[in-house]
């Protein structure tokens, strides 16, 4: 018996892709979820004991450029961005005394929304058990004009756990002369320890109802990039904190960064805020501060992920 090829269905070029496939707009959404658990396994060091994913969000394997005690992990999201209706959910748990550094190979893009299903979402939950250390350094989020995006990050700490983290957001594509003139962006960042909130940051940009935010002196001041770096908890004496703060400010001054940047302390957390026009400069500033703080806080010399150098 001969194998017969199935007949091909003719396509009407005047129809849309949705009409051709006979599916609703909701079927185009990607719902991706990634669950990671890092555990300290005796002489084996920190290991990736759980790695479960669905959809286009995963990791390949941990790397150990600093030795087996601290794992470097690269999050992979092949699409590279979110469109209307997409939801990325990330859950990372570090068990007792585990140590990890997590980053991404590239920026996350929030593309222009479709009118039918405008919201694109990303939820991140980071849980640190006792004596655990996490360094959470995702690349910047780029919010395209007419995007409708929501980002939420929640970090939960236990006794003696420590976190270094940054968040960098770019509005529009200035290099292409495309401003963020229409759209909606909501960002919520929470750090709590033993169920007590220690740091909460909210940013809501609604270009339909609040167009003055980007130009106001108490707003973005015509800048396109905002971000913050957080480190702690760091329980040190007041005098030592003052010296450390001056050191950090001198480091920033030495970088000749022509932007608005500040160093403050909130509930034993060192908070650095950036407002400027360059995600690269924001990362440069935050990386320099991390390199100085890391030996002070967790007694480890800074070791940049190899992917940052490629």
C-alpha atoms as a PDB file:
ATOM      1  CA  UNK A   1       0.000   0.000   0.000  1.00  0.00           C
ATOM      2  CA  UNK A   2       1.305   3.386  -0.935  1.00  0.00           C
ATOM      3  CA  UNK A   3       1.585   6.141   1.657  1.00  0.00           C
ATOM      4  CA  UNK A   4      -0.603   9.015   0.587  1.00  0.00           C
ATOM      5  CA  UNK A   5       0.159  12.598   1.517  1.00  0.00           C
ATOM      6  CA  UNK A   6      -2.768  14.392   3.166  1.00  0.00           C
ATOM      7  CA  UNK A   7      -4.383  17.059   1.067  1.00  0.00           C
ATOM      8  CA  UNK A   8      -3.409  20.604   1.919  1.00  0.00           C
ATOM      9  CA  UNK A   9      -6.177  23.002   2.885  1.00  0.00           C
ATOM     10  CA  UNK A  10      -6.260  26.077   0.662  1.00  0.00           C
ATOM     11  CA  UNK A  11      -5.755  29.338   2.531  1.00  0.00           C
ATOM     12  CA  UNK A  12      -7.675  32.485   1.841  1.00  0.00           C
ATOM     13  CA  UNK A  13      -5.006  35.185   1.901  1.00  0.00           C
ATOM     14  CA  UNK A  14      -7.617  37.790   2.761  1.00  0.00           C
ATOM     15  CA  UNK A  15      -8.386  36.168   6.107  1.00  0.00           C
ATOM     16  CA  UNK A  16      -6.560  36.877   9.341  1.00  0.00           C
ATOM     17  CA  UNK A  17      -4.476  34.273  11.133  1.00  0.00           C
ATOM     18  CA  UNK A  18      -7.239  33.970  13.748  1.00  0.00           C
ATOM     19  CA  UNK A  19      -9.803  33.231  11.044  1.00  0.00           C
ATOM     20  CA  UNK A  20      -7.567  30.658   9.385  1.00  0.00           C
ATOM     21  CA  UNK A  21      -6.924  28.717  12.561  1.00  0.00           C
ATOM     22  CA  UNK A  22     -10.438  29.132  13.845  1.00  0.00           C
ATOM     23  CA  UNK A  23      -9.323  30.072  17.350  1.00  0.00           C
ATOM     24  CA  UNK A  24     -10.102  32.933  19.669  1.00  0.00           C
ATOM     25  CA  UNK A  25      -7.629  35.614  20.668  1.00  0.00           C
ATOM     26  CA  UNK A  26      -7.233  34.034  24.123  1.00  0.00           C
ATOM     27  CA  UNK A  27      -5.551  30.968  22.614  1.00  0.00           C
ATOM     28  CA  UNK A  28      -2.562  33.087  21.664  1.00  0.00           C
ATOM     29  CA  UNK A  29      -1.656  33.858  25.260  1.00  0.00           C
ATOM     30  CA  UNK A  30       1.353  32.215  26.890  1.00  0.00           C
ATOM     31  CA  UNK A  31       0.967  31.224  30.524  1.00  0.00           C
ATOM     32  CA  UNK A  32       4.431  30.264  31.762  1.00  0.00           C
ATOM     33  CA  UNK A  33       5.390  29.119  35.249  1.00  0.00           C
ATOM     34  CA  UNK A  34       8.733  28.208  36.780  1.00  0.00           C
ATOM     35  CA  UNK A  35       9.306  26.756  40.244  1.00  0.00           C
ATOM     36  CA  UNK A  36      12.845  26.423  41.594  1.00  0.00           C
ATOM     37  CA  UNK A  37      14.141  25.204  44.944  1.00  0.00           C
ATOM     38  CA  UNK A  38      17.782  25.583  45.995  1.00  0.00           C
ATOM     39  CA  UNK A  39      18.932  23.316  48.822  1.00  0.00           C
ATOM     40  CA  UNK A  40      22.183  22.940  50.722  1.00  0.00           C
ATOM     41  CA  UNK A  41      23.270  19.308  50.373  1.00  0.00           C
ATOM     42  CA  UNK A  42      26.191  18.918  52.775  1.00  0.00           C
ATOM     43  CA  UNK A  43      29.529  18.557  51.018  1.00  0.00           C
ATOM     44  CA  UNK A  44      27.755  18.837  47.646  1.00  0.00           C
ATOM     45  CA  UNK A  45      26.933  22.470  48.353  1.00  0.00           C
ATOM     46  CA  UNK A  46      23.874  24.328  47.062  1.00  0.00           C
ATOM     47  CA  UNK A  47      21.974  22.259  44.528  1.00  0.00           C
ATOM     48  CA  UNK A  48      18.934  22.828  42.360  1.00  0.00           C
ATOM     49  CA  UNK A  49      16.695  20.291  44.091  1.00  0.00           C
ATOM     50  CA  UNK A  50      13.538  21.241  42.215  1.00  0.00           C
ATOM     51  CA  UNK A  51      13.101  22.584  38.696  1.00  0.00           C
ATOM     52  CA  UNK A  52       9.551  22.483  37.407  1.00  0.00           C
ATOM     53  CA  UNK A  53       8.274  24.535  34.520  1.00  0.00           C
ATOM     54  CA  UNK A  54       5.397  24.912  32.122  1.00  0.00           C
ATOM     55  CA  UNK A  55       5.446  27.131  29.089  1.00  0.00           C
ATOM     56  CA  UNK A  56       8.491  28.998  27.732  1.00  0.00           C
ATOM     57  CA  UNK A  57      10.262  29.738  31.024  1.00  0.00           C
ATOM     58  CA  UNK A  58      13.022  27.509  32.371  1.00  0.00           C
ATOM     59  CA  UNK A  59      16.663  27.098  33.383  1.00  0.00           C
ATOM     60  CA  UNK A  60      19.262  24.723  31.991  1.00  0.00           C
ATOM     61  CA  UNK A  61      21.567  24.065  34.926  1.00  0.00           C
ATOM     62  CA  UNK A  62      23.305  25.927  37.767  1.00  0.00           C
ATOM     63  CA  UNK A  63      26.890  27.151  37.426  1.00  0.00           C
ATOM     64  CA  UNK A  64      29.507  27.329  40.175  1.00  0.00           C
ATOM     65  CA  UNK A  65      32.155  29.956  39.350  1.00  0.00           C
ATOM     66  CA  UNK A  66      32.564  30.680  43.088  1.00  0.00           C
ATOM     67  CA  UNK A  67      32.572  27.135  44.352  1.00  0.00           C
ATOM     68  CA  UNK A  68      29.877  24.634  45.233  1.00  0.00           C
ATOM     69  CA  UNK A  69      28.359  26.670  48.072  1.00  0.00           C
ATOM     70  CA  UNK A  70      26.797  29.315  45.793  1.00  0.00           C
ATOM     71  CA  UNK A  71      24.895  28.526  42.599  1.00  0.00           C
ATOM     72  CA  UNK A  72      24.580  30.922  39.649  1.00  0.00           C
ATOM     73  CA  UNK A  73      21.343  30.439  37.713  1.00  0.00           C
ATOM     74  CA  UNK A  74      20.272  31.968  34.394  1.00  0.00           C
ATOM     75  CA  UNK A  75      16.553  32.259  33.713  1.00  0.00           C
ATOM     76  CA  UNK A  76      15.611  31.611  30.098  1.00  0.00           C
ATOM     77  CA  UNK A  77      12.524  33.041  28.421  1.00  0.00           C
ATOM     78  CA  UNK A  78      12.930  32.356  24.676  1.00  0.00           C
ATOM     79  CA  UNK A  79      10.183  34.762  23.514  1.00  0.00           C
ATOM     80  CA  UNK A  80      12.076  37.583  25.234  1.00  0.00           C
ATOM     81  CA  UNK A  81       8.954  39.576  26.013  1.00  0.00           C
ATOM     82  CA  UNK A  82       5.275  39.659  26.896  1.00  0.00           C
ATOM     83  CA  UNK A  83       2.321  40.479  24.676  1.00  0.00           C
ATOM     84  CA  UNK A  84      -1.316  40.999  25.635  1.00  0.00           C
ATOM     85  CA  UNK A  85      -2.646  38.296  27.916  1.00  0.00           C
ATOM     86  CA  UNK A  86       0.742  36.707  28.683  1.00  0.00           C
ATOM     87  CA  UNK A  87       1.471  35.834  32.299  1.00  0.00           C
ATOM     88  CA  UNK A  88       4.860  34.769  33.666  1.00  0.00           C
ATOM     89  CA  UNK A  89       4.925  33.343  37.186  1.00  0.00           C
ATOM     90  CA  UNK A  90       8.220  32.642  38.933  1.00  0.00           C
ATOM     91  CA  UNK A  91       8.610  30.991  42.345  1.00  0.00           C
ATOM     92  CA  UNK A  92      12.087  30.567  43.820  1.00  0.00           C
ATOM     93  CA  UNK A  93      12.745  29.101  47.270  1.00  0.00           C
ATOM     94  CA  UNK A  94      16.114  28.962  48.983  1.00  0.00           C
ATOM     95  CA  UNK A  95      16.128  26.465  51.806  1.00  0.00           C
ATOM     96  CA  UNK A  96      18.106  26.911  55.004  1.00  0.00           C
ATOM     97  CA  UNK A  97      21.685  28.162  54.409  1.00  0.00           C
ATOM     98  CA  UNK A  98      21.384  27.855  50.614  1.00  0.00           C
ATOM     99  CA  UNK A  99      23.048  30.546  48.493  1.00  0.00           C
ATOM    100  CA  UNK A 100      22.127  31.577  44.969  1.00  0.00           C
ATOM    101  CA  UNK A 101      22.576  34.288  42.367  1.00  0.00           C
ATOM    102  CA  UNK A 102      19.857  34.526  39.719  1.00  0.00           C
ATOM    103  CA  UNK A 103      19.986  36.665  36.585  1.00  0.00           C
ATOM    104  CA  UNK A 104      18.697  36.772  33.010  1.00  0.00           C
ATOM    105  CA  UNK A 105      20.560  36.885  29.679  1.00  0.00           C
ATOM    106  CA  UNK A 106      18.608  39.832  28.329  1.00  0.00           C
ATOM    107  CA  UNK A 107      15.943  42.455  28.914  1.00  0.00           C
ATOM    108  CA  UNK A 108      12.255  41.663  29.357  1.00  0.00           C
ATOM    109  CA  UNK A 109      10.121  43.509  26.816  1.00  0.00           C
ATOM    110  CA  UNK A 110       6.551  44.578  27.423  1.00  0.00           C
ATOM    111  CA  UNK A 111       5.208  44.971  23.904  1.00  0.00           C
ATOM    112  CA  UNK A 112       2.341  47.142  22.684  1.00  0.00           C
ATOM    113  CA  UNK A 113      -0.971  45.765  23.890  1.00  0.00           C
ATOM    114  CA  UNK A 114      -3.870  44.616  21.774  1.00  0.00           C
ATOM    115  CA  UNK A 115      -7.205  46.234  22.495  1.00  0.00           C
ATOM    116  CA  UNK A 116      -8.967  42.890  22.954  1.00  0.00           C
ATOM    117  CA  UNK A 117      -6.797  41.697  25.885  1.00  0.00           C
ATOM    118  CA  UNK A 118      -4.479  44.469  26.997  1.00  0.00           C
ATOM    119  CA  UNK A 119      -2.762  43.300  30.199  1.00  0.00           C
ATOM    120  CA  UNK A 120       0.564  41.477  30.300  1.00  0.00           C
ATOM    121  CA  UNK A 121       1.722  40.313  33.726  1.00  0.00           C
ATOM    122  CA  UNK A 122       4.795  39.013  35.516  1.00  0.00           C
ATOM    123  CA  UNK A 123       4.677  37.747  39.106  1.00  0.00           C
ATOM    124  CA  UNK A 124       7.827  36.859  41.029  1.00  0.00           C
ATOM    125  CA  UNK A 125       7.906  35.284  44.494  1.00  0.00           C
ATOM    126  CA  UNK A 126      11.244  34.793  46.250  1.00  0.00           C
ATOM    127  CA  UNK A 127      11.256  32.842  49.526  1.00  0.00           C
ATOM    128  CA  UNK A 128      14.384  32.729  51.686  1.00  0.00           C
ATOM    129  CA  UNK A 129      14.532  30.425  54.678  1.00  0.00           C
ATOM    130  CA  UNK A 130      16.850  30.909  57.659  1.00  0.00           C
ATOM    131  CA  UNK A 131      20.460  31.900  56.871  1.00  0.00           C
ATOM    132  CA  UNK A 132      19.803  31.789  53.109  1.00  0.00           C
ATOM    133  CA  UNK A 133      21.267  34.334  50.695  1.00  0.00           C
ATOM    134  CA  UNK A 134      19.789  35.367  47.347  1.00  0.00           C
ATOM    135  CA  UNK A 135      21.132  37.795  44.770  1.00  0.00           C
ATOM    136  CA  UNK A 136      18.319  38.658  42.347  1.00  0.00           C
ATOM    137  CA  UNK A 137      19.578  40.611  39.339  1.00  0.00           C
ATOM    138  CA  UNK A 138      17.225  40.451  36.329  1.00  0.00           C
ATOM    139  CA  UNK A 139      18.059  42.610  33.344  1.00  0.00           C
ATOM    140  CA  UNK A 140      15.883  45.656  32.738  1.00  0.00           C
ATOM    141  CA  UNK A 141      12.206  45.658  31.751  1.00  0.00           C
ATOM    142  CA  UNK A 142      11.500  47.693  28.604  1.00  0.00           C
ATOM    143  CA  UNK A 143       7.956  49.057  28.482  1.00  0.00           C
ATOM    144  CA  UNK A 144       6.934  49.795  24.895  1.00  0.00           C
ATOM    145  CA  UNK A 145       4.548  52.572  23.979  1.00  0.00           C
ATOM    146  CA  UNK A 146       0.908  51.458  24.420  1.00  0.00           C
ATOM    147  CA  UNK A 147       1.880  48.526  26.634  1.00  0.00           C
ATOM    148  CA  UNK A 148      -0.447  47.569  29.489  1.00  0.00           C
ATOM    149  CA  UNK A 149       1.840  45.807  31.959  1.00  0.00           C
ATOM    150  CA  UNK A 150       1.877  44.717  35.588  1.00  0.00           C
ATOM    151  CA  UNK A 151       4.994  43.565  37.459  1.00  0.00           C
ATOM    152  CA  UNK A 152       4.939  42.319  41.028  1.00  0.00           C
ATOM    153  CA  UNK A 153       7.859  41.024  43.083  1.00  0.00           C
ATOM    154  CA  UNK A 154       7.519  39.724  46.628  1.00  0.00           C
ATOM    155  CA  UNK A 155      10.566  38.737  48.694  1.00  0.00           C
ATOM    156  CA  UNK A 156       9.996  36.861  51.936  1.00  0.00           C
ATOM    157  CA  UNK A 157      12.862  36.592  54.422  1.00  0.00           C
ATOM    158  CA  UNK A 158      13.360  34.567  57.579  1.00  0.00           C
ATOM    159  CA  UNK A 159      15.866  35.019  60.415  1.00  0.00           C
ATOM    160  CA  UNK A 160      19.386  35.877  59.226  1.00  0.00           C
ATOM    161  CA  UNK A 161      18.510  35.584  55.538  1.00  0.00           C
ATOM    162  CA  UNK A 162      19.929  38.203  53.183  1.00  0.00           C
ATOM    163  CA  UNK A 163      18.947  39.582  49.798  1.00  0.00           C
ATOM    164  CA  UNK A 164      20.603  41.724  47.150  1.00  0.00           C
ATOM    165  CA  UNK A 165      18.233  42.779  44.388  1.00  0.00           C
ATOM    166  CA  UNK A 166      17.630  45.395  41.748  1.00  0.00           C
ATOM    167  CA  UNK A 167      14.778  46.514  39.525  1.00  0.00           C
ATOM    168  CA  UNK A 168      15.342  48.613  36.390  1.00  0.00           C
ATOM    169  CA  UNK A 169      12.546  49.888  34.158  1.00  0.00           C
ATOM    170  CA  UNK A 170      12.899  51.636  30.775  1.00  0.00           C
ATOM    171  CA  UNK A 171       9.955  53.543  29.316  1.00  0.00           C
ATOM    172  CA  UNK A 172       9.739  53.647  25.543  1.00  0.00           C
ATOM    173  CA  UNK A 173      12.575  53.347  23.033  1.00  0.00           C
ATOM    174  CA  UNK A 174      14.451  56.669  23.150  1.00  0.00           C
ATOM    175  CA  UNK A 175      17.078  55.512  20.642  1.00  0.00           C
ATOM    176  CA  UNK A 176      14.268  55.023  18.122  1.00  0.00           C
ATOM    177  CA  UNK A 177      12.556  58.282  19.128  1.00  0.00           C
ATOM    178  CA  UNK A 178       9.606  56.299  20.472  1.00  0.00           C
ATOM    179  CA  UNK A 179       8.328  57.685  23.761  1.00  0.00           C
ATOM    180  CA  UNK A 180       5.991  56.018  26.218  1.00  0.00           C
ATOM    181  CA  UNK A 181       3.085  58.316  25.440  1.00  0.00           C
ATOM    182  CA  UNK A 182       0.168  55.918  25.797  1.00  0.00           C
ATOM    183  CA  UNK A 183      -0.318  52.897  27.984  1.00  0.00           C
ATOM    184  CA  UNK A 184      -0.344  51.674  31.561  1.00  0.00           C
ATOM    185  CA  UNK A 185       2.369  50.297  33.815  1.00  0.00           C
ATOM    186  CA  UNK A 186       2.040  49.094  37.412  1.00  0.00           C
ATOM    187  CA  UNK A 187       4.968  47.902  39.495  1.00  0.00           C
ATOM    188  CA  UNK A 188       4.776  46.611  43.054  1.00  0.00           C
ATOM    189  CA  UNK A 189       7.795  45.473  45.084  1.00  0.00           C
ATOM    190  CA  UNK A 190       7.492  44.019  48.594  1.00  0.00           C
ATOM    191  CA  UNK A 191      10.162  42.799  51.015  1.00  0.00           C
ATOM    192  CA  UNK A 192       9.039  41.283  54.298  1.00  0.00           C
ATOM    193  CA  UNK A 193      10.682  39.336  57.112  1.00  0.00           C
ATOM    194  CA  UNK A 194       8.793  36.991  59.421  1.00  0.00           C
ATOM    195  CA  UNK A 195       5.515  38.347  57.993  1.00  0.00           C
ATOM    196  CA  UNK A 196       6.503  41.957  58.761  1.00  0.00           C
ATOM    197  CA  UNK A 197       6.747  44.321  55.754  1.00  0.00           C
ATOM    198  CA  UNK A 198      10.101  46.116  55.672  1.00  0.00           C
ATOM    199  CA  UNK A 199      10.106  47.701  52.229  1.00  0.00           C
ATOM    200  CA  UNK A 200       7.214  48.424  49.866  1.00  0.00           C
ATOM    201  CA  UNK A 201       7.609  50.270  46.581  1.00  0.00           C
ATOM    202  CA  UNK A 202       4.759  51.123  44.223  1.00  0.00           C
ATOM    203  CA  UNK A 203       4.963  52.742  40.817  1.00  0.00           C
ATOM    204  CA  UNK A 204       1.884  53.398  38.694  1.00  0.00           C
ATOM    205  CA  UNK A 205       2.251  55.072  35.300  1.00  0.00           C
ATOM    206  CA  UNK A 206      -1.038  55.817  33.571  1.00  0.00           C
ATOM    207  CA  UNK A 207      -0.453  57.907  30.478  1.00  0.00           C
ATOM    208  CA  UNK A 208      -4.181  58.247  29.896  1.00  0.00           C
ATOM    209  CA  UNK A 209      -4.999  59.797  33.269  1.00  0.00           C
ATOM    210  CA  UNK A 210      -1.646  61.149  34.483  1.00  0.00           C
ATOM    211  CA  UNK A 211       0.429  62.476  31.617  1.00  0.00           C
ATOM    212  CA  UNK A 212       2.375  64.891  33.843  1.00  0.00           C
ATOM    213  CA  UNK A 213       4.304  62.185  35.693  1.00  0.00           C
ATOM    214  CA  UNK A 214       7.151  62.128  33.176  1.00  0.00           C
ATOM    215  CA  UNK A 215       7.666  65.876  33.236  1.00  0.00           C
ATOM    216  CA  UNK A 216       6.939  66.737  36.881  1.00  0.00           C
ATOM    217  CA  UNK A 217       9.807  67.701  39.188  1.00  0.00           C
ATOM    218  CA  UNK A 218       8.399  65.209  41.692  1.00  0.00           C
ATOM    219  CA  UNK A 219       8.094  62.593  38.946  1.00  0.00           C
ATOM    220  CA  UNK A 220      10.351  61.338  36.156  1.00  0.00           C
ATOM    221  CA  UNK A 221      11.744  64.801  35.256  1.00  0.00           C
ATOM    222  CA  UNK A 222      11.757  63.883  31.555  1.00  0.00           C
ATOM    223  CA  UNK A 223      13.945  60.842  32.271  1.00  0.00           C
ATOM    224  CA  UNK A 224      13.167  57.461  30.712  1.00  0.00           C
ATOM    225  CA  UNK A 225      14.846  54.985  33.091  1.00  0.00           C
ATOM    226  CA  UNK A 226      14.106  54.408  36.770  1.00  0.00           C
ATOM    227  CA  UNK A 227      15.420  51.774  39.115  1.00  0.00           C
ATOM    228  CA  UNK A 228      16.434  50.844  42.607  1.00  0.00           C
ATOM    229  CA  UNK A 229      18.933  48.551  44.308  1.00  0.00           C
ATOM    230  CA  UNK A 230      18.268  46.979  47.707  1.00  0.00           C
ATOM    231  CA  UNK A 231      20.617  45.171  50.067  1.00  0.00           C
ATOM    232  CA  UNK A 232      20.020  43.746  53.519  1.00  0.00           C
ATOM    233  CA  UNK A 233      19.006  43.369  56.207  1.00  0.00           C
ATOM    234  CA  UNK A 234      22.333  44.707  57.427  1.00  0.00           C
ATOM    235  CA  UNK A 235      22.450  45.277  61.173  1.00  0.00           C
ATOM    236  CA  UNK A 236      25.414  47.549  61.771  1.00  0.00           C
ATOM    237  CA  UNK A 237      26.073  50.385  64.180  1.00  0.00           C
ATOM    238  CA  UNK A 238      25.000  53.901  63.212  1.00  0.00           C
ATOM    239  CA  UNK A 239      28.536  55.241  62.878  1.00  0.00           C
ATOM    240  CA  UNK A 240      29.591  52.326  60.697  1.00  0.00           C
ATOM    241  CA  UNK A 241      26.489  52.821  58.556  1.00  0.00           C
ATOM    242  CA  UNK A 242      27.359  56.484  58.028  1.00  0.00           C
ATOM    243  CA  UNK A 243      30.870  55.554  56.921  1.00  0.00           C
ATOM    244  CA  UNK A 244      29.511  52.889  54.575  1.00  0.00           C
ATOM    245  CA  UNK A 245      27.016  55.349  53.090  1.00  0.00           C
ATOM    246  CA  UNK A 246      29.773  57.862  52.370  1.00  0.00           C
ATOM    247  CA  UNK A 247      31.850  55.123  50.746  1.00  0.00           C
ATOM    248  CA  UNK A 248      28.953  54.217  48.461  1.00  0.00           C
ATOM    249  CA  UNK A 249      28.374  57.842  47.492  1.00  0.00           C
ATOM    250  CA  UNK A 250      32.050  58.277  46.685  1.00  0.00           C
ATOM    251  CA  UNK A 251      31.900  55.196  44.459  1.00  0.00           C
ATOM    252  CA  UNK A 252      28.973  56.700  42.550  1.00  0.00           C
ATOM    253  CA  UNK A 253      30.756  60.036  42.231  1.00  0.00           C
ATOM    254  CA  UNK A 254      33.822  58.295  40.819  1.00  0.00           C
ATOM    255  CA  UNK A 255      31.696  56.800  38.033  1.00  0.00           C
ATOM    256  CA  UNK A 256      30.766  60.286  36.776  1.00  0.00           C
ATOM    257  CA  UNK A 257      27.163  59.290  36.346  1.00  0.00           C
ATOM    258  CA  UNK A 258      25.211  62.266  35.027  1.00  0.00           C
ATOM    259  CA  UNK A 259      21.949  61.171  36.525  1.00  0.00           C
ATOM    260  CA  UNK A 260      19.877  61.456  39.676  1.00  0.00           C
ATOM    261  CA  UNK A 261      20.951  58.802  42.178  1.00  0.00           C
ATOM    262  CA  UNK A 262      20.631  58.547  45.952  1.00  0.00           C
ATOM    263  CA  UNK A 263      21.709  56.265  48.801  1.00  0.00           C
ATOM    264  CA  UNK A 264      19.491  55.877  51.876  1.00  0.00           C
ATOM    265  CA  UNK A 265      18.649  53.321  54.583  1.00  0.00           C
ATOM    266  CA  UNK A 266      15.196  51.926  55.372  1.00  0.00           C
ATOM    267  CA  UNK A 267      14.682  49.299  58.094  1.00  0.00           C
ATOM    268  CA  UNK A 268      18.279  47.993  57.911  1.00  0.00           C
ATOM    269  CA  UNK A 269      18.153  47.933  54.099  1.00  0.00           C
ATOM    270  CA  UNK A 270      20.464  49.981  51.941  1.00  0.00           C
ATOM    271  CA  UNK A 271      18.296  51.533  49.209  1.00  0.00           C
ATOM    272  CA  UNK A 272      19.802  53.117  46.106  1.00  0.00           C
ATOM    273  CA  UNK A 273      17.513  54.878  43.631  1.00  0.00           C
ATOM    274  CA  UNK A 274      18.381  55.795  40.053  1.00  0.00           C
ATOM    275  CA  UNK A 275      16.685  58.160  37.632  1.00  0.00           C
ATOM    276  CA  UNK A 276      18.275  58.742  34.251  1.00  0.00           C
ATOM    277  CA  UNK A 277      18.283  57.782  30.581  1.00  0.00           C
ATOM    278  CA  UNK A 278      20.445  54.655  30.464  1.00  0.00           C
ATOM    279  CA  UNK A 279      19.749  51.146  31.716  1.00  0.00           C
ATOM    280  CA  UNK A 280      23.424  50.387  31.147  1.00  0.00           C
ATOM    281  CA  UNK A 281      24.442  53.192  33.502  1.00  0.00           C
ATOM    282  CA  UNK A 282      21.918  52.009  36.097  1.00  0.00           C
ATOM    283  CA  UNK A 283      23.378  48.494  36.000  1.00  0.00           C
ATOM    284  CA  UNK A 284      26.901  49.931  36.094  1.00  0.00           C
ATOM    285  CA  UNK A 285      26.094  51.918  39.230  1.00  0.00           C
ATOM    286  CA  UNK A 286      24.262  49.086  40.969  1.00  0.00           C
ATOM    287  CA  UNK A 287      26.991  46.581  40.110  1.00  0.00           C
ATOM    288  CA  UNK A 288      29.679  48.851  41.574  1.00  0.00           C
ATOM    289  CA  UNK A 289      27.714  49.192  44.815  1.00  0.00           C
ATOM    290  CA  UNK A 290      27.075  45.445  44.973  1.00  0.00           C
ATOM    291  CA  UNK A 291      30.792  44.786  44.536  1.00  0.00           C
ATOM    292  CA  UNK A 292      31.498  46.987  47.548  1.00  0.00           C
ATOM    293  CA  UNK A 293      28.637  45.762  49.744  1.00  0.00           C
ATOM    294  CA  UNK A 294      28.925  42.049  49.127  1.00  0.00           C
ATOM    295  CA  UNK A 295      32.116  41.487  51.145  1.00  0.00           C
ATOM    296  CA  UNK A 296      30.688  43.647  53.941  1.00  0.00           C
ATOM    297  CA  UNK A 297      27.353  41.852  54.134  1.00  0.00           C
ATOM    298  CA  UNK A 298      28.031  38.188  53.269  1.00  0.00           C
ATOM    299  CA  UNK A 299      31.847  38.103  53.399  1.00  0.00           C
ATOM    300  CA  UNK A 300      32.216  37.134  49.757  1.00  0.00           C
ATOM    301  CA  UNK A 301      34.187  38.919  47.071  1.00  0.00           C
ATOM    302  CA  UNK A 302      31.967  39.921  44.162  1.00  0.00           C
ATOM    303  CA  UNK A 303      31.934  37.519  41.220  1.00  0.00           C
ATOM    304  CA  UNK A 304      30.047  38.782  38.188  1.00  0.00           C
ATOM    305  CA  UNK A 305      28.036  36.165  36.249  1.00  0.00           C
ATOM    306  CA  UNK A 306      29.864  35.206  33.091  1.00  0.00           C
ATOM    307  CA  UNK A 307      26.799  36.012  31.010  1.00  0.00           C
ATOM    308  CA  UNK A 308      27.161  39.692  31.940  1.00  0.00           C
ATOM    309  CA  UNK A 309      30.492  39.766  30.123  1.00  0.00           C
ATOM    310  CA  UNK A 310      29.215  38.364  26.812  1.00  0.00           C
END
